[in-house]
Each structure stands twice: as structure tokens, then as C-alpha cells.
Protein backbone atom coordinates (compact mmCIF):
# COMPACT_ATOMS: atom_id res chain seq x y z
CA UNK A 1 161.17 186.69 46.86
CA UNK A 2 164.37 188.33 45.73
CA UNK A 3 164.52 191.59 43.87
CA UNK A 4 167.49 192.28 41.68
CA UNK A 5 168.55 194.56 38.88
CA UNK A 6 170.11 191.66 37.00
CA UNK A 7 167.41 190.45 34.59
CA UNK A 8 166.82 186.74 34.07
CA UNK A 9 168.28 185.33 30.86
CA UNK A 10 164.83 183.84 30.17
CA UNK A 11 161.68 185.54 31.49
CA UNK A 12 160.41 183.84 34.63
CA UNK A 13 156.93 183.61 33.11
CA UNK A 14 158.27 181.32 30.38
CA UNK A 15 159.46 178.68 32.85
CA UNK A 16 157.68 175.31 32.62
CA UNK A 17 155.44 174.03 35.40
CA UNK A 18 157.39 172.11 38.02
CA UNK A 19 157.56 168.32 37.62
CA UNK A 20 155.90 167.63 40.96
CA UNK A 21 155.49 163.89 40.51
CA UNK A 22 159.09 163.27 39.56
CA UNK A 23 160.26 165.51 42.37
CA UNK A 24 158.20 163.89 45.13
CA UNK A 25 159.31 160.42 44.11
CA UNK A 26 162.76 161.40 45.39
CA UNK A 27 161.40 161.92 48.92
CA UNK A 28 160.52 159.00 51.16
CA UNK A 29 157.95 160.78 53.35
CA UNK A 30 156.61 163.71 51.31
CA UNK A 31 153.38 161.97 50.29
CA UNK A 32 151.37 162.13 47.08
CA UNK A 33 150.68 165.49 45.40
CA UNK A 34 147.28 167.09 45.87
CA UNK A 35 147.82 170.62 44.55
CA UNK A 36 150.62 172.95 43.50
CA UNK A 37 149.76 176.65 43.47
CA UNK A 38 152.12 179.53 42.56
CA UNK A 39 152.76 181.96 45.39
CA UNK A 40 153.60 185.65 45.05
CA UNK A 41 156.79 185.43 43.06
CA UNK A 42 159.87 187.57 42.88
CA UNK A 43 161.59 188.89 39.81
CA UNK A 44 163.99 186.02 39.24
CA UNK A 45 162.82 182.75 40.79
CA UNK A 46 159.50 181.00 41.23
CA UNK A 47 157.80 179.51 44.27
CA UNK A 48 154.83 177.21 44.84
CA UNK A 49 152.71 176.06 47.74
CA UNK A 50 152.70 172.31 47.36
CA UNK A 51 150.03 170.27 49.17
CA UNK A 52 150.47 166.53 49.53
CA UNK A 53 148.87 163.74 51.51
CA UNK A 54 151.51 164.43 54.20
CA UNK A 55 151.23 168.19 54.53
CA UNK A 56 152.22 171.50 52.93
CA UNK A 57 155.59 172.48 51.49
CA UNK A 58 157.25 175.39 49.75
CA UNK A 59 158.69 174.33 46.40
CA UNK A 60 161.31 176.66 44.97
CA UNK A 61 162.33 176.64 41.34
CA UNK A 62 165.71 178.33 40.87
CA UNK A 63 165.85 180.31 37.63
CA UNK A 64 168.29 183.14 38.36
CA UNK A 65 171.27 182.16 36.19
CA UNK A 66 174.07 183.54 38.42
CA UNK A 67 172.87 181.54 41.43
CA UNK A 68 170.89 178.63 39.95
CA UNK A 69 173.64 176.01 39.69
CA UNK A 70 173.62 173.00 41.99
CA UNK A 71 176.83 173.85 43.86
CA UNK A 72 175.81 177.44 44.65
CA UNK A 73 172.38 176.35 45.86
CA UNK A 74 173.88 173.56 47.97
CA UNK A 75 176.20 176.08 49.63
CA UNK A 76 173.20 178.22 50.53
CA UNK A 77 171.44 175.17 51.92
CA UNK A 78 174.39 174.23 54.12
CA UNK A 79 174.51 177.77 55.47
CA UNK A 80 170.82 177.76 56.42
CA UNK A 81 171.12 174.33 58.03
CA UNK A 82 173.96 175.58 60.22
CA UNK A 83 172.19 178.84 61.04
CA UNK A 84 169.11 176.86 62.01
CA UNK A 85 171.26 174.84 64.40
CA UNK A 86 172.34 178.13 65.99
CA UNK A 87 168.70 179.00 66.63
CA UNK A 88 168.13 181.54 63.86
CA UNK A 89 164.68 181.64 62.22
CA UNK A 90 165.39 180.05 58.86
CA UNK A 91 163.71 177.26 56.88
CA UNK A 92 166.40 174.85 55.65
CA UNK A 93 165.48 172.59 52.73
CA UNK A 94 164.32 169.04 53.26
CA UNK A 95 166.74 166.29 52.16
CA UNK A 96 165.49 163.63 49.78
CA UNK A 97 165.89 159.89 50.33
CA UNK A 98 169.55 160.12 49.24
CA UNK A 99 170.29 163.10 51.52
CA UNK A 100 170.37 165.64 48.69
CA UNK A 101 168.67 169.04 48.98
CA UNK A 102 168.89 170.09 45.31
CA UNK A 103 166.97 168.23 42.61
CA UNK A 104 167.92 168.82 38.98
CA UNK A 105 165.04 167.84 36.67
CA UNK A 106 164.71 168.91 33.06
CA UNK A 107 167.70 171.22 33.38
CA UNK A 108 166.17 173.20 36.30
CA UNK A 109 167.08 173.14 39.98
CA UNK A 110 164.41 172.65 42.63
CA UNK A 111 164.38 172.57 46.42
CA UNK A 112 161.65 171.51 48.83
CA UNK A 113 161.26 173.48 52.06
CA UNK A 114 158.81 173.23 54.94
CA UNK A 115 155.88 175.58 54.54
CA UNK A 116 156.08 178.50 56.98
CA UNK A 117 152.86 180.26 57.88
CA UNK A 118 153.52 183.94 58.33
CA UNK A 119 153.15 187.40 56.85
CA UNK A 120 155.47 190.10 55.61
CA UNK A 121 155.82 193.29 57.63
CA UNK A 122 157.45 196.50 56.47
CA UNK A 123 158.82 199.24 58.68
CA UNK A 124 155.47 201.03 58.92
CA UNK A 125 154.13 197.95 60.71
CA UNK A 126 157.03 197.79 63.18
CA UNK A 127 157.02 199.67 66.48
CA UNK A 128 160.23 200.84 68.13
CA UNK A 129 160.69 197.47 69.84
CA UNK A 130 160.05 195.70 66.53
CA UNK A 131 162.67 197.86 64.85
CA UNK A 132 165.13 196.89 67.56
CA UNK A 133 164.32 193.20 67.06
CA UNK A 134 164.93 193.61 63.34
CA UNK A 135 168.36 195.15 63.92
CA UNK A 136 169.25 192.42 66.39
CA UNK A 137 168.09 189.74 63.95
CA UNK A 138 170.25 191.03 61.10
CA UNK A 139 173.17 191.32 63.52
CA UNK A 140 172.67 187.69 64.54
CA UNK A 141 172.59 186.70 60.86
CA UNK A 142 175.92 188.39 60.25
CA UNK A 143 177.64 187.01 63.33
CA UNK A 144 176.10 183.59 62.73
CA UNK A 145 177.34 183.52 59.16
CA UNK A 146 180.80 184.44 60.41
CA UNK A 147 180.69 181.34 62.63
CA UNK A 148 179.33 178.87 60.09
CA UNK A 149 180.99 180.07 56.88
CA UNK A 150 184.51 180.76 58.10
CA UNK A 151 186.84 183.56 57.09
CA UNK A 152 185.62 185.33 53.94
CA UNK A 153 187.68 185.61 50.79
CA UNK A 154 188.29 189.31 50.04
CA UNK A 155 185.64 190.72 47.74
CA UNK A 156 186.48 191.33 44.10
CA UNK A 157 187.00 195.00 43.38
CA UNK A 158 185.64 195.79 39.98
CA UNK A 159 183.63 198.74 38.78
CA UNK A 160 180.05 198.55 40.03
CA UNK A 161 178.03 199.86 37.11
CA UNK A 162 175.15 202.15 37.90
CA UNK A 163 172.62 199.55 36.83
CA UNK A 164 172.86 197.66 40.11
CA UNK A 165 170.03 197.86 42.57
CA UNK A 166 170.25 199.11 46.15
CA UNK A 167 167.58 196.57 47.04
CA UNK A 168 170.04 193.74 46.73
CA UNK A 169 173.31 195.59 46.78
CA UNK A 170 174.58 194.00 43.60
CA UNK A 171 178.02 195.42 43.18
CA UNK A 172 178.42 196.05 46.89
CA UNK A 173 181.97 195.49 48.02
CA UNK A 174 183.34 196.80 44.73
CA UNK A 175 184.52 200.22 43.62
CA UNK A 176 181.79 202.81 43.77
CA UNK A 177 180.05 203.99 40.61
CA UNK A 178 181.78 206.61 38.47
CA UNK A 179 179.80 209.81 37.84
CA UNK A 180 180.87 209.96 34.20
CA UNK A 181 179.26 206.57 33.58
CA UNK A 182 176.08 207.64 35.35
CA UNK A 183 175.80 210.82 33.27
CA UNK A 184 175.94 208.71 30.11
CA UNK A 185 173.24 206.41 31.48
CA UNK A 186 171.02 209.37 32.38
CA UNK A 187 171.35 210.75 28.84
CA UNK A 188 170.45 207.37 27.36
CA UNK A 189 167.43 206.95 29.61
CA UNK A 190 166.23 210.49 28.86
CA UNK A 191 166.47 209.72 25.15
CA UNK A 192 164.34 206.61 25.60
CA UNK A 193 161.76 208.41 27.75
CA UNK A 194 161.41 211.30 25.31
CA UNK A 195 161.10 209.01 22.31
CA UNK A 196 158.02 207.22 23.60
CA UNK A 197 155.08 207.86 21.24
CA UNK A 198 152.41 208.03 23.98
CA UNK A 199 153.82 209.30 27.26
CA UNK A 200 152.04 208.64 30.54
CA UNK A 201 152.40 209.97 34.10
CA UNK A 202 155.20 207.48 34.83
CA UNK A 203 157.19 208.82 31.87
CA UNK A 204 156.71 212.39 33.07
CA UNK A 205 157.93 211.48 36.55
CA UNK A 206 160.86 209.54 35.10
CA UNK A 207 162.01 212.52 33.03
CA UNK A 208 161.67 214.84 36.03
CA UNK A 209 163.70 212.52 38.28
CA UNK A 210 166.39 211.97 35.65
CA UNK A 211 166.90 215.68 35.11
CA UNK A 212 166.82 216.28 38.85
CA UNK A 213 169.37 213.52 39.46
CA UNK A 214 171.75 214.90 36.83
CA UNK A 215 171.85 218.22 38.68
CA UNK A 216 172.18 216.48 42.04
CA UNK A 217 175.02 214.26 40.87
CA UNK A 218 176.89 217.18 39.34
CA UNK A 219 176.74 219.00 42.67
CA UNK A 220 178.02 215.98 44.64
CA UNK A 221 180.35 214.21 42.20
CA UNK A 222 183.32 215.07 44.41
CA UNK A 223 181.88 212.90 47.21
CA UNK A 224 182.48 209.54 45.51
CA UNK A 225 183.46 207.22 48.39
CA UNK A 226 186.41 204.81 48.33
CA UNK A 227 186.04 201.04 48.15
CA UNK A 228 185.27 199.47 51.53
CA UNK A 229 187.98 197.89 53.62
CA UNK A 230 185.94 195.37 55.65
CA UNK A 231 183.73 192.57 54.33
CA UNK A 232 181.91 189.57 55.73
CA UNK A 233 179.26 187.03 54.85
CA UNK A 234 175.80 188.56 54.29
CA UNK A 235 172.32 187.37 53.35
CA UNK A 236 172.54 189.66 50.32
CA UNK A 237 168.82 190.34 49.90
CA UNK A 238 167.45 191.29 53.32
CA UNK A 239 164.15 193.10 52.84
CA UNK A 240 160.48 192.76 53.90
CA UNK A 241 159.52 190.21 51.22
CA UNK A 242 162.26 187.88 52.45
CA UNK A 243 161.21 187.93 56.10
CA UNK A 244 158.09 186.21 57.46
CA UNK A 245 156.53 187.13 60.80
CA UNK A 246 154.20 185.35 63.17
CA UNK A 247 152.71 188.16 65.20
CA UNK A 248 155.54 190.42 66.33
CA UNK A 249 158.25 187.77 66.04
CA UNK A 250 160.24 186.86 62.92
CA UNK A 251 159.36 183.30 61.84
CA UNK A 252 161.70 182.77 58.88
CA UNK A 253 164.31 184.54 56.79
CA UNK A 254 163.93 183.17 53.27
CA UNK A 255 165.63 183.39 49.86
CA UNK A 256 169.34 183.08 50.47
CA UNK A 257 170.23 183.23 46.76
CA UNK A 258 172.46 186.30 47.23
CA UNK A 259 174.52 184.84 50.08
CA UNK A 260 177.95 186.32 49.48
CA UNK A 261 180.94 188.18 50.90
CA UNK A 262 180.20 191.90 51.02
CA UNK A 263 180.45 194.79 53.49
CA UNK A 264 178.18 193.78 56.37
CA UNK A 265 177.38 197.32 57.51
CA UNK A 266 176.24 198.20 54.00
CA UNK A 267 173.65 195.44 54.14
CA UNK A 268 172.44 196.89 57.43
CA UNK A 269 172.08 200.37 55.92
CA UNK A 270 170.57 199.08 52.70
CA UNK A 271 168.00 196.98 54.56
CA UNK A 272 166.97 199.94 56.71
CA UNK A 273 166.50 202.06 53.58
CA UNK A 274 164.03 199.44 52.31
CA UNK A 275 162.20 198.62 55.54
CA UNK A 276 161.85 202.18 56.83
CA UNK A 277 161.26 204.22 53.67
CA UNK A 278 157.94 206.04 53.60
CA UNK A 279 155.88 206.38 50.38
CA UNK A 280 157.02 210.01 50.16
CA UNK A 281 160.67 208.92 50.06
CA UNK A 282 161.64 209.83 53.64
CA UNK A 283 163.12 207.45 56.19
CA UNK A 284 161.48 206.95 59.57
CA UNK A 285 164.63 208.01 61.40
CA UNK A 286 163.36 207.21 64.89
CA UNK A 287 162.94 203.58 63.84
CA UNK A 288 166.24 203.61 61.95
CA UNK A 289 168.00 204.78 65.12
CA UNK A 290 166.47 201.97 67.22
CA UNK A 291 167.30 199.41 64.53
CA UNK A 292 170.88 200.62 64.07
CA UNK A 293 171.64 200.68 67.80
CA UNK A 294 170.43 197.09 68.11
CA UNK A 295 172.47 196.03 65.08
CA UNK A 296 175.65 197.64 66.44
CA UNK A 297 175.09 195.99 69.80
CA UNK A 298 174.60 192.56 68.20
CA UNK A 299 177.68 192.77 65.96
CA UNK A 300 180.07 195.08 67.77
CA UNK A 301 180.19 197.37 64.74
CA UNK A 302 181.19 200.92 65.64
CA UNK A 303 179.87 204.25 64.44
CA UNK A 304 182.71 204.75 61.97
CA UNK A 305 181.85 201.51 60.16
CA UNK A 306 178.19 202.50 59.92
CA UNK A 307 179.07 206.03 58.80
CA UNK A 308 181.22 204.68 55.96
CA UNK A 309 178.38 202.35 54.97
CA UNK A 310 175.94 205.27 54.90
CA UNK A 311 178.31 207.11 52.56
CA UNK A 312 178.54 204.19 50.16
CA UNK A 313 174.86 203.26 50.13
CA UNK A 314 173.85 206.89 49.60
CA UNK A 315 176.29 207.09 46.68
CA UNK A 316 174.94 203.81 45.33
CA UNK A 317 171.42 205.25 45.42
CA UNK A 318 172.53 208.49 43.81
CA UNK A 319 173.98 206.61 40.82
CA UNK A 320 171.35 203.89 40.52
CA UNK A 321 168.52 203.66 37.97
CA UNK A 322 167.74 199.98 37.88
CA UNK A 323 163.94 200.41 37.85
CA UNK A 324 164.17 202.73 34.84
CA UNK A 325 166.62 200.44 33.06
CA UNK A 326 164.13 197.60 33.41
CA UNK A 327 161.30 199.69 31.97
CA UNK A 328 163.05 201.55 29.18
CA UNK A 329 165.99 199.34 28.19
CA UNK A 330 164.44 195.91 28.83
CA UNK A 331 160.75 196.74 28.29
CA UNK A 332 160.02 195.09 31.66
CA UNK A 333 157.58 196.92 33.93
CA UNK A 334 157.60 194.61 36.94
CA UNK A 335 159.70 197.07 38.96
CA UNK A 336 157.62 200.15 38.10
CA UNK A 337 155.76 200.29 41.46
CA UNK A 338 159.09 200.67 43.29
CA UNK A 339 160.23 203.73 41.36
CA UNK A 340 158.35 206.64 43.01
CA UNK A 341 159.60 206.01 46.57
CA UNK A 342 163.06 204.82 45.48
CA UNK A 343 163.65 207.91 43.32
CA UNK A 344 162.33 210.29 45.98
CA UNK A 345 164.46 208.75 48.73
CA UNK A 346 167.82 209.73 47.29
CA UNK A 347 166.72 213.37 46.93
CA UNK A 348 165.50 213.50 50.53
CA UNK A 349 168.56 211.57 51.78
CA UNK A 350 170.92 214.07 50.16
CA UNK A 351 169.15 217.00 51.79
CA UNK A 352 168.90 215.27 55.19
CA UNK A 353 172.31 213.63 55.05
CA UNK A 354 173.61 214.62 58.53
CA UNK A 355 170.38 213.45 60.19
CA UNK A 356 170.49 210.11 58.33
CA UNK A 357 174.11 209.48 59.30
CA UNK A 358 173.37 210.41 62.91
CA UNK A 359 170.48 207.94 63.02
CA UNK A 360 172.81 205.10 62.04
CA UNK A 361 175.75 206.12 64.23
CA UNK A 362 174.22 207.71 67.38
């Protein structure tokens, strides 16, 4: 399920139960409903395992306002259908009796997909060969999207506020964050942390990381990278919870809500920083190197493109506090478990910067 720093306009938990009966009546061969159970859900949308007299399906309820309109969802569906035809492991939606893949019922958009049996695997569960397969897979996604989506429209270049998340790369393809804005955000978050009446260990860690980041940013403010020159179509949310495996082989890339035009190499770097981060905040650089070599081979990207992407994603991480904004500004703690490793990574990355860049470009 997708992770994003952009909060839903209405909490996902407040969404009504899906109208299974009305939905299935639109499909000629889906059968009669037997059960509809929520699956592990992401921060913005909701998914269900739907059992009918004809089999099992994945029912997706689109709730993320920026991507939950019929036309945007239909574009995603067309992309996955075409990628599936190219042999990529995706799970395109099932068309209803009228050939439509998006059902709008009660003001909400739904899509019915085949159920894919599989499990999620993070970088700790991937060997060197598995890391190579992951890099090749993402490379095939990028080159496949280039074939099926056509020439991309140049990305909009607006300021990417420091509230965007590196997990999804919201703001990627835009101007990099401005240190002066980040300093103001740090001050505001510190004020909120210190004003809590009963502080816990998370609050103590948050204050430590905020103060640490302020010093780190002041020392590296001169390294703000320029806006990227090259963009292409990307999945937009490529991380372990959006990739299902059967054994050692990827079975399905899911959740294409963030399909967009952005710097492709940045998605490759960002994905590696999610897959291969250790709980202590370090990257498994041997696996990153195997992954990056396979990605470059699959796409033809050169070391300079990857090096520029490393610069921008590192800067994005340095200026990003989306997990703390959720907790302290939105009173939403769903992203709390991500904070320790995410906040430790940027500190380690800054200290080990040459080794990280070498792993992506060697």
C-alpha cells in the first residue's frame, strides 16, 4: 500500500464499507459475494480480499484525493494493462461487463483486481542475486513505461516543500528544498515537541534528531542541488509493500497511484534507500551496488545520472520531516514506526557520502 506525506482529506478509517453487492453486479463472471475482509492497508487507500463463488479478488477503494478521480485511475489502469502485455509482473484491473475498470459508487472509486498470492520482501531478505533482480525489474518498469506512455511532458518546477516524503518522492522533479524553509519547520516542530505535557521516548528522540539535523543542515546548506534536467515515467511509489514475491521471484508490482513524470534515476536511488536500509539507519552497500549495476544495465543510465540522483535524494532526506509532521502537526501516529531508521539514515548517509555515491555509480 502506498505511503505518502500528503495526508488524506478525510481519515481513511472513516471511509464506509465497500458496496460489494452493487459492485459485483457490474461484472458478468465475478460470482456472488461470500466475504470481504480488509487487508493490511496503506496510509491513503483501502484494500480488501473479496471472496466470491467464482474465486478471490483484490478490491481497491481509492481515497487519496489527488489520485482518486476516475480519469487518473483509468490512466494507471491502461499503463498496467500495457506493461502486462510486455511481460512485466503487474496485476491489471478486471473490466466489468461494459469494459470499464473504474466503478464510481456513492462518490467513491473502486477497482477489482485478481488476487495475487505472495509476500513482501525487504532488502534484508534479498541476496545479491535478488538485489540484482530488483534493479533489473525497476529498470524494466522505467523502460516499459517509456514505451507504453510515450514522451513525457516536462515536470513542473515548483518549490518542493520539506514536508514531502522520500518514500514516495513527492516533489521529485521540482526545485530542491530551501534550507531557510527547513530551519523554520525545525523550529516549529521543536516547539510542538517541547510543549507536550507528558513526553515519551519518541519525543526525546524527535527532539534529539531535530537539533542534530539543524546543525547538519547548517554545515551543508551550500550543497543544495539544482533541479534535475532529465525526467521520465515512473511508478512513483516503489518500495517493499508495493512488491509481492513468490519465492525469489517478483509476482506483482502493485499500487500505481503515483504514476507520474519524474526523474527516473531518483526513483532508483529512493527505492534502494527504502529496500536496503538497516534498522540502525545504514544502507547495505554491497546490495545497493548489485542493484544499481543491474538498474544501469537495464536502462542505459550512466554513472553521472545516478550521481546526480544521489545528490538530490540525499538533499531531500536532509530536509524532510514528514513522519514528525504527521505526529506533531496532524496528530497522526501511523508513520511513527518509520521514524527511527529514516532519521538515522540521513545522518549516516552524510557521513558516508562518498561510499554511498560509489555504490550507485561503480
